[in-house]
């Protein structure tokens, strides 16, 4: 199933202009059918899930404490 930019904007609760900007920046994959851009909904949802998963992994990585190095010598 394909969504138009207007439908995708409503689905994501964003402006259509922002959706078009993201398409032009190649941040959203879309196909131009001669009249408008259309986005494959299943591919988009899968990509969105992967992005959310990567964001979560990055947040977990940020809060992970830095392990103490065993090579550190006391200079005193």
PDB file of N, CA and C in Angstrom:
ATOM      1  N   UNK A   1       0.842  -1.175   0.000  1.00  0.00           N
ATOM      2  CA  UNK A   1       0.000   0.000   0.000  1.00  0.00           C
ATOM      3  C   UNK A   1       0.889   1.241   0.000  1.00  0.00           C
ATOM      4  N   UNK A   2       0.547   2.180  -0.825  1.00  0.00           N
ATOM      5  CA  UNK A   2       1.314   3.417  -0.920  1.00  0.00           C
ATOM      6  C   UNK A   2       0.534   4.573  -0.312  1.00  0.00           C
ATOM      7  N   UNK A   3       1.266   5.500   0.273  1.00  0.00           N
ATOM      8  CA  UNK A   3       0.680   6.696   0.853  1.00  0.00           C
ATOM      9  C   UNK A   3       1.172   7.919   0.092  1.00  0.00           C
ATOM     10  N   UNK A   4       0.295   8.884  -0.089  1.00  0.00           N
ATOM     11  CA  UNK A   4       0.727  10.156  -0.656  1.00  0.00           C
ATOM     12  C   UNK A   4       1.394  10.970   0.453  1.00  0.00           C
ATOM     13  N   UNK A   5       2.025  12.052   0.083  1.00  0.00           N
ATOM     14  CA  UNK A   5       2.671  12.894   1.103  1.00  0.00           C
ATOM     15  C   UNK A   5       1.635  13.470   2.062  1.00  0.00           C
ATOM     16  N   UNK A   6       0.460  13.762   1.574  1.00  0.00           N
ATOM     17  CA  UNK A   6      -0.605  14.297   2.439  1.00  0.00           C
ATOM     18  C   UNK A   6      -1.044  13.232   3.453  1.00  0.00           C
ATOM     19  N   UNK A   7      -1.221  11.995   2.985  1.00  0.00           N
ATOM     20  CA  UNK A   7      -1.620  10.904   3.874  1.00  0.00           C
ATOM     21  C   UNK A   7      -0.518  10.596   4.886  1.00  0.00           C
ATOM     22  N   UNK A   8       0.737  10.621   4.431  1.00  0.00           N
ATOM     23  CA  UNK A   8       1.857  10.367   5.335  1.00  0.00           C
ATOM     24  C   UNK A   8       1.966  11.469   6.383  1.00  0.00           C
ATOM     25  N   UNK A   9       1.737  12.699   5.980  1.00  0.00           N
ATOM     26  CA  UNK A   9       1.768  13.819   6.926  1.00  0.00           C
ATOM     27  C   UNK A   9       0.693  13.643   7.999  1.00  0.00           C
ATOM     28  N   UNK A  10      -0.486  13.224   7.599  1.00  0.00           N
ATOM     29  CA  UNK A  10      -1.561  12.978   8.568  1.00  0.00           C
ATOM     30  C   UNK A  10      -1.206  11.795   9.475  1.00  0.00           C
ATOM     31  N   UNK A  11      -0.625  10.755   8.901  1.00  0.00           N
ATOM     32  CA  UNK A  11      -0.229   9.559   9.656  1.00  0.00           C
ATOM     33  C   UNK A  11       0.810   9.888  10.720  1.00  0.00           C
ATOM     34  N   UNK A  12       1.772  10.770  10.371  1.00  0.00           N
ATOM     35  CA  UNK A  12       2.844  11.130  11.293  1.00  0.00           C
ATOM     36  C   UNK A  12       2.552  12.395  12.098  1.00  0.00           C
ATOM     37  N   UNK A  13       1.412  13.014  11.826  1.00  0.00           N
ATOM     38  CA  UNK A  13       1.023  14.266  12.474  1.00  0.00           C
ATOM     39  C   UNK A  13       2.093  15.331  12.270  1.00  0.00           C
ATOM     40  N   UNK A  14       2.500  15.497  11.018  1.00  0.00           N
ATOM     41  CA  UNK A  14       3.492  16.491  10.609  1.00  0.00           C
ATOM     42  C   UNK A  14       2.906  17.275   9.445  1.00  0.00           C
ATOM     43  N   UNK A  15       3.577  18.352   9.084  1.00  0.00           N
ATOM     44  CA  UNK A  15       3.116  19.113   7.925  1.00  0.00           C
ATOM     45  C   UNK A  15       3.564  18.416   6.638  1.00  0.00           C
ATOM     46  N   UNK A  16       2.794  18.600   5.599  1.00  0.00           N
ATOM     47  CA  UNK A  16       3.135  18.010   4.312  1.00  0.00           C
ATOM     48  C   UNK A  16       4.430  18.620   3.778  1.00  0.00           C
ATOM     49  N   UNK A  17       4.649  19.900   4.065  1.00  0.00           N
ATOM     50  CA  UNK A  17       5.867  20.577   3.613  1.00  0.00           C
ATOM     51  C   UNK A  17       7.111  19.920   4.241  1.00  0.00           C
ATOM     52  N   UNK A  18       7.021  19.551   5.518  1.00  0.00           N
ATOM     53  CA  UNK A  18       8.143  18.886   6.185  1.00  0.00           C
ATOM     54  C   UNK A  18       8.392  17.510   5.574  1.00  0.00           C
ATOM     55  N   UNK A  19       7.330  16.796   5.251  1.00  0.00           N
ATOM     56  CA  UNK A  19       7.466  15.485   4.608  1.00  0.00           C
ATOM     57  C   UNK A  19       8.189  15.640   3.268  1.00  0.00           C
ATOM     58  N   UNK A  20       7.776  16.630   2.480  1.00  0.00           N
ATOM     59  CA  UNK A  20       8.430  16.863   1.192  1.00  0.00           C
ATOM     60  C   UNK A  20       9.898  17.234   1.367  1.00  0.00           C
ATOM     61  N   UNK A  21      10.200  18.032   2.381  1.00  0.00           N
ATOM     62  CA  UNK A  21      11.588  18.407   2.650  1.00  0.00           C
ATOM     63  C   UNK A  21      12.414  17.165   2.997  1.00  0.00           C
ATOM     64  N   UNK A  22      11.862  16.273   3.803  1.00  0.00           N
ATOM     65  CA  UNK A  22      12.565  15.038   4.161  1.00  0.00           C
ATOM     66  C   UNK A  22      12.759  14.136   2.943  1.00  0.00           C
ATOM     67  N   UNK A  23      11.804  14.147   2.038  1.00  0.00           N
ATOM     68  CA  UNK A  23      11.950  13.372   0.794  1.00  0.00           C
ATOM     69  C   UNK A  23      13.069  13.963  -0.047  1.00  0.00           C
ATOM     70  N   UNK A  24      13.099  15.287  -0.178  1.00  0.00           N
ATOM     71  CA  UNK A  24      14.139  15.947  -0.974  1.00  0.00           C
ATOM     72  C   UNK A  24      15.524  15.726  -0.378  1.00  0.00           C
ATOM     73  N   UNK A  25      15.603  15.592   0.957  1.00  0.00           N
ATOM     74  CA  UNK A  25      16.874  15.344   1.636  1.00  0.00           C
ATOM     75  C   UNK A  25      17.218  13.858   1.679  1.00  0.00           C
ATOM     76  N   UNK A  26      16.400  13.021   1.038  1.00  0.00           N
ATOM     77  CA  UNK A  26      16.580  11.560   0.998  1.00  0.00           C
ATOM     78  C   UNK A  26      16.523  10.922   2.383  1.00  0.00           C
ATOM     79  N   UNK A  27      15.791  11.525   3.284  1.00  0.00           N
ATOM     80  CA  UNK A  27      15.601  10.939   4.603  1.00  0.00           C
ATOM     81  C   UNK A  27      14.368  10.043   4.624  1.00  0.00           C
ATOM     82  N   UNK A  28      13.495  10.229   3.646  1.00  0.00           N
ATOM     83  CA  UNK A  28      12.339   9.354   3.435  1.00  0.00           C
ATOM     84  C   UNK A  28      12.395   8.894   1.987  1.00  0.00           C
ATOM     85  N   UNK A  29      12.346   7.564   1.791  1.00  0.00           N
ATOM     86  CA  UNK A  29      12.336   7.026   0.430  1.00  0.00           C
ATOM     87  C   UNK A  29      10.947   7.204  -0.159  1.00  0.00           C
ATOM     88  N   UNK A  30      10.922   7.740  -1.371  1.00  0.00           N
ATOM     89  CA  UNK A  30       9.647   7.949  -2.041  1.00  0.00           C
ATOM     90  C   UNK A  30       9.842   7.761  -3.541  1.00  0.00           C
ATOM     91  N   UNK A  31       8.737   7.525  -4.220  1.00  0.00           N
ATOM     92  CA  UNK A  31       8.732   7.359  -5.662  1.00  0.00           C
ATOM     93  C   UNK A  31       7.849   8.465  -6.237  1.00  0.00           C
ATOM     94  N   UNK A  32       8.353   9.096  -7.297  1.00  0.00           N
ATOM     95  CA  UNK A  32       7.547  10.117  -7.973  1.00  0.00           C
ATOM     96  C   UNK A  32       6.800   9.436  -9.106  1.00  0.00           C
ATOM     97  N   UNK A  33       5.469   9.463  -9.061  1.00  0.00           N
ATOM     98  CA  UNK A  33       4.673   8.757 -10.071  1.00  0.00           C
ATOM     99  C   UNK A  33       4.265   9.638 -11.242  1.00  0.00           C
ATOM    100  N   UNK A  34       4.899  10.786 -11.371  1.00  0.00           N
ATOM    101  CA  UNK A  34       4.575  11.694 -12.459  1.00  0.00           C
ATOM    102  C   UNK A  34       3.709  12.852 -12.014  1.00  0.00           C
ATOM    103  N   UNK A  35       3.010  12.678 -10.898  1.00  0.00           N
ATOM    104  CA  UNK A  35       2.145  13.731 -10.378  1.00  0.00           C
ATOM    105  C   UNK A  35       2.479  14.086  -8.936  1.00  0.00           C
ATOM    106  N   UNK A  36       2.863  13.077  -8.172  1.00  0.00           N
ATOM    107  CA  UNK A  36       3.117  13.279  -6.742  1.00  0.00           C
ATOM    108  C   UNK A  36       4.082  12.221  -6.234  1.00  0.00           C
ATOM    109  N   UNK A  37       4.614  12.468  -5.038  1.00  0.00           N
ATOM    110  CA  UNK A  37       5.465  11.480  -4.391  1.00  0.00           C
ATOM    111  C   UNK A  37       4.586  10.519  -3.617  1.00  0.00           C
ATOM    112  N   UNK A  38       4.942   9.236  -3.675  1.00  0.00           N
ATOM    113  CA  UNK A  38       4.245   8.218  -2.895  1.00  0.00           C
ATOM    114  C   UNK A  38       5.277   7.410  -2.121  1.00  0.00           C
ATOM    115  N   UNK A  39       4.858   6.938  -0.950  1.00  0.00           N
ATOM    116  CA  UNK A  39       5.746   6.219  -0.041  1.00  0.00           C
ATOM    117  C   UNK A  39       5.124   4.865   0.257  1.00  0.00           C
ATOM    118  N   UNK A  40       5.935   3.804   0.192  1.00  0.00           N
ATOM    119  CA  UNK A  40       5.466   2.465   0.540  1.00  0.00           C
ATOM    120  C   UNK A  40       5.307   2.410   2.060  1.00  0.00           C
ATOM    121  N   UNK A  41       4.097   2.182   2.519  1.00  0.00           N
ATOM    122  CA  UNK A  41       3.796   2.231   3.958  1.00  0.00           C
ATOM    123  C   UNK A  41       4.543   1.152   4.738  1.00  0.00           C
ATOM    124  N   UNK A  42       4.608  -0.063   4.218  1.00  0.00           N
ATOM    125  CA  UNK A  42       5.275  -1.153   4.930  1.00  0.00           C
ATOM    126  C   UNK A  42       6.779  -0.888   5.062  1.00  0.00           C
ATOM    127  N   UNK A  43       7.406  -0.445   3.977  1.00  0.00           N
ATOM    128  CA  UNK A  43       8.832  -0.119   4.040  1.00  0.00           C
ATOM    129  C   UNK A  43       9.084   1.021   5.013  1.00  0.00           C
ATOM    130  N   UNK A  44       8.209   2.014   4.976  1.00  0.00           N
ATOM    131  CA  UNK A  44       8.367   3.160   5.863  1.00  0.00           C
ATOM    132  C   UNK A  44       8.239   2.736   7.320  1.00  0.00           C
ATOM    133  N   UNK A  45       7.234   1.921   7.633  1.00  0.00           N
ATOM    134  CA  UNK A  45       7.047   1.462   9.019  1.00  0.00           C
ATOM    135  C   UNK A  45       8.246   0.643   9.491  1.00  0.00           C
ATOM    136  N   UNK A  46       8.776  -0.200   8.619  1.00  0.00           N
ATOM    137  CA  UNK A  46       9.945  -1.003   8.982  1.00  0.00           C
ATOM    138  C   UNK A  46      11.147  -0.099   9.242  1.00  0.00           C
ATOM    139  N   UNK A  47      11.352   0.883   8.382  1.00  0.00           N
ATOM    140  CA  UNK A  47      12.452   1.824   8.564  1.00  0.00           C
ATOM    141  C   UNK A  47      12.274   2.614   9.856  1.00  0.00           C
ATOM    142  N   UNK A  48      11.045   3.046  10.135  1.00  0.00           N
ATOM    143  CA  UNK A  48      10.756   3.805  11.348  1.00  0.00           C
ATOM    144  C   UNK A  48      11.065   2.978  12.595  1.00  0.00           C
ATOM    145  N   UNK A  49      10.728   1.694  12.573  1.00  0.00           N
ATOM    146  CA  UNK A  49      11.035   0.804  13.701  1.00  0.00           C
ATOM    147  C   UNK A  49      12.545   0.678  13.904  1.00  0.00           C
ATOM    148  N   UNK A  50      13.289   0.560  12.799  1.00  0.00           N
ATOM    149  CA  UNK A  50      14.746   0.447  12.896  1.00  0.00           C
ATOM    150  C   UNK A  50      15.359   1.726  13.454  1.00  0.00           C
ATOM    151  N   UNK A  51      14.849   2.865  13.034  1.00  0.00           N
ATOM    152  CA  UNK A  51      15.358   4.148  13.542  1.00  0.00           C
ATOM    153  C   UNK A  51      15.084   4.260  15.037  1.00  0.00           C
ATOM    154  N   UNK A  52      13.882   3.896  15.468  1.00  0.00           N
ATOM    155  CA  UNK A  52      13.549   3.948  16.892  1.00  0.00           C
ATOM    156  C   UNK A  52      14.430   2.996  17.700  1.00  0.00           C
ATOM    157  N   UNK A  53      14.703   1.816  17.153  1.00  0.00           N
ATOM    158  CA  UNK A  53      15.557   0.849  17.836  1.00  0.00           C
ATOM    159  C   UNK A  53      16.974   1.402  17.976  1.00  0.00           C
ATOM    160  N   UNK A  54      17.482   2.036  16.914  1.00  0.00           N
ATOM    161  CA  UNK A  54      18.827   2.614  16.973  1.00  0.00           C
ATOM    162  C   UNK A  54      18.892   3.770  17.968  1.00  0.00           C
ATOM    163  N   UNK A  55      17.837   4.578  18.042  1.00  0.00           N
ATOM    164  CA  UNK A  55      17.788   5.668  19.014  1.00  0.00           C
ATOM    165  C   UNK A  55      17.842   5.105  20.432  1.00  0.00           C
ATOM    166  N   UNK A  56      17.095   4.029  20.667  1.00  0.00           N
ATOM    167  CA  UNK A  56      17.073   3.410  21.986  1.00  0.00           C
ATOM    168  C   UNK A  56      18.450   2.847  22.332  1.00  0.00           C
ATOM    169  N   UNK A  57      19.104   2.182  21.383  1.00  0.00           N
ATOM    170  CA  UNK A  57      20.438   1.644  21.636  1.00  0.00           C
ATOM    171  C   UNK A  57      21.445   2.756  21.909  1.00  0.00           C
ATOM    172  N   UNK A  58      21.316   3.870  21.200  1.00  0.00           N
ATOM    173  CA  UNK A  58      22.205   5.006  21.420  1.00  0.00           C
ATOM    174  C   UNK A  58      21.997   5.597  22.808  1.00  0.00           C
ATOM    175  N   UNK A  59      20.748   5.711  23.239  1.00  0.00           N
ATOM    176  CA  UNK A  59      20.465   6.230  24.581  1.00  0.00           C
ATOM    177  C   UNK A  59      21.030   5.289  25.652  1.00  0.00           C
ATOM    178  N   UNK A  60      20.887   3.989  25.448  1.00  0.00           N
ATOM    179  CA  UNK A  60      21.443   3.023  26.399  1.00  0.00           C
ATOM    180  C   UNK A  60      22.966   3.135  26.433  1.00  0.00           C
ATOM    181  N   UNK A  61      23.562   3.332  25.280  1.00  0.00           N
ATOM    182  CA  UNK A  61      25.021   3.465  25.203  1.00  0.00           C
ATOM    183  C   UNK A  61      25.484   4.729  25.913  1.00  0.00           C
ATOM    184  N   UNK A  62      24.709   5.811  25.788  1.00  0.00           N
ATOM    185  CA  UNK A  62      25.080   7.081  26.422  1.00  0.00           C
ATOM    186  C   UNK A  62      25.106   6.981  27.948  1.00  0.00           C
ATOM    187  N   UNK A  63      24.165   6.231  28.522  1.00  0.00           N
ATOM    188  CA  UNK A  63      24.092   6.162  29.981  1.00  0.00           C
ATOM    189  C   UNK A  63      24.953   5.047  30.572  1.00  0.00           C
ATOM    190  N   UNK A  64      25.541   4.238  29.721  1.00  0.00           N
ATOM    191  CA  UNK A  64      26.406   3.164  30.202  1.00  0.00           C
ATOM    192  C   UNK A  64      27.666   3.765  30.801  1.00  0.00           C
ATOM    193  N   UNK A  65      28.020   3.381  32.016  1.00  0.00           N
ATOM    194  CA  UNK A  65      29.218   3.967  32.634  1.00  0.00           C
ATOM    195  C   UNK A  65      30.494   3.520  31.920  1.00  0.00           C
ATOM    196  N   UNK A  66      31.452   4.411  31.933  1.00  0.00           N
ATOM    197  CA  UNK A  66      32.748   4.096  31.321  1.00  0.00           C
ATOM    198  C   UNK A  66      33.502   3.182  32.282  1.00  0.00           C
ATOM    199  N   UNK A  67      33.938   2.033  31.795  1.00  0.00           N
ATOM    200  CA  UNK A  67      34.651   1.117  32.692  1.00  0.00           C
ATOM    201  C   UNK A  67      36.024   1.685  33.057  1.00  0.00           C
ATOM    202  N   UNK A  68      36.435   1.367  34.251  1.00  0.00           N
ATOM    203  CA  UNK A  68      37.758   1.809  34.672  1.00  0.00           C
ATOM    204  C   UNK A  68      38.810   1.024  33.898  1.00  0.00           C
ATOM    205  N   UNK A  69      39.851   1.726  33.521  1.00  0.00           N
ATOM    206  CA  UNK A  69      40.913   1.078  32.774  1.00  0.00           C
ATOM    207  C   UNK A  69      41.865   0.400  33.764  1.00  0.00           C
ATOM    208  N   UNK A  70      42.280  -0.783  33.416  1.00  0.00           N
ATOM    209  CA  UNK A  70      43.214  -1.493  34.275  1.00  0.00           C
ATOM    210  C   UNK A  70      44.654  -1.011  34.057  1.00  0.00           C
ATOM    211  N   UNK A  71      44.865  -0.233  33.005  1.00  0.00           N
ATOM    212  CA  UNK A  71      46.207   0.252  32.701  1.00  0.00           C
ATOM    213  C   UNK A  71      46.533   1.571  33.390  1.00  0.00           C
ATOM    214  N   UNK A  72      45.592   2.154  34.071  1.00  0.00           N
ATOM    215  CA  UNK A  72      45.813   3.441  34.704  1.00  0.00           C
ATOM    216  C   UNK A  72      46.699   3.223  35.940  1.00  0.00           C
ATOM    217  N   UNK A  73      47.777   4.007  36.025  1.00  0.00           N
ATOM    218  CA  UNK A  73      48.687   3.886  37.157  1.00  0.00           C
ATOM    219  C   UNK A  73      48.562   5.135  38.012  1.00  0.00           C
ATOM    220  N   UNK A  74      48.669   4.950  39.297  1.00  0.00           N
ATOM    221  CA  UNK A  74      48.614   6.084  40.211  1.00  0.00           C
ATOM    222  C   UNK A  74      49.951   6.800  40.135  1.00  0.00           C
ATOM    223  N   UNK A  75      49.939   8.090  39.849  1.00  0.00           N
ATOM    224  CA  UNK A  75      51.161   8.860  39.661  1.00  0.00           C
ATOM    225  C   UNK A  75      51.742   9.382  40.967  1.00  0.00           C
ATOM    226  N   UNK A  76      51.047   9.187  42.077  1.00  0.00           N
ATOM    227  CA  UNK A  76      51.546   9.722  43.356  1.00  0.00           C
ATOM    228  C   UNK A  76      52.734   8.995  43.822  1.00  0.00           C
TER     229      UNK A  76
END
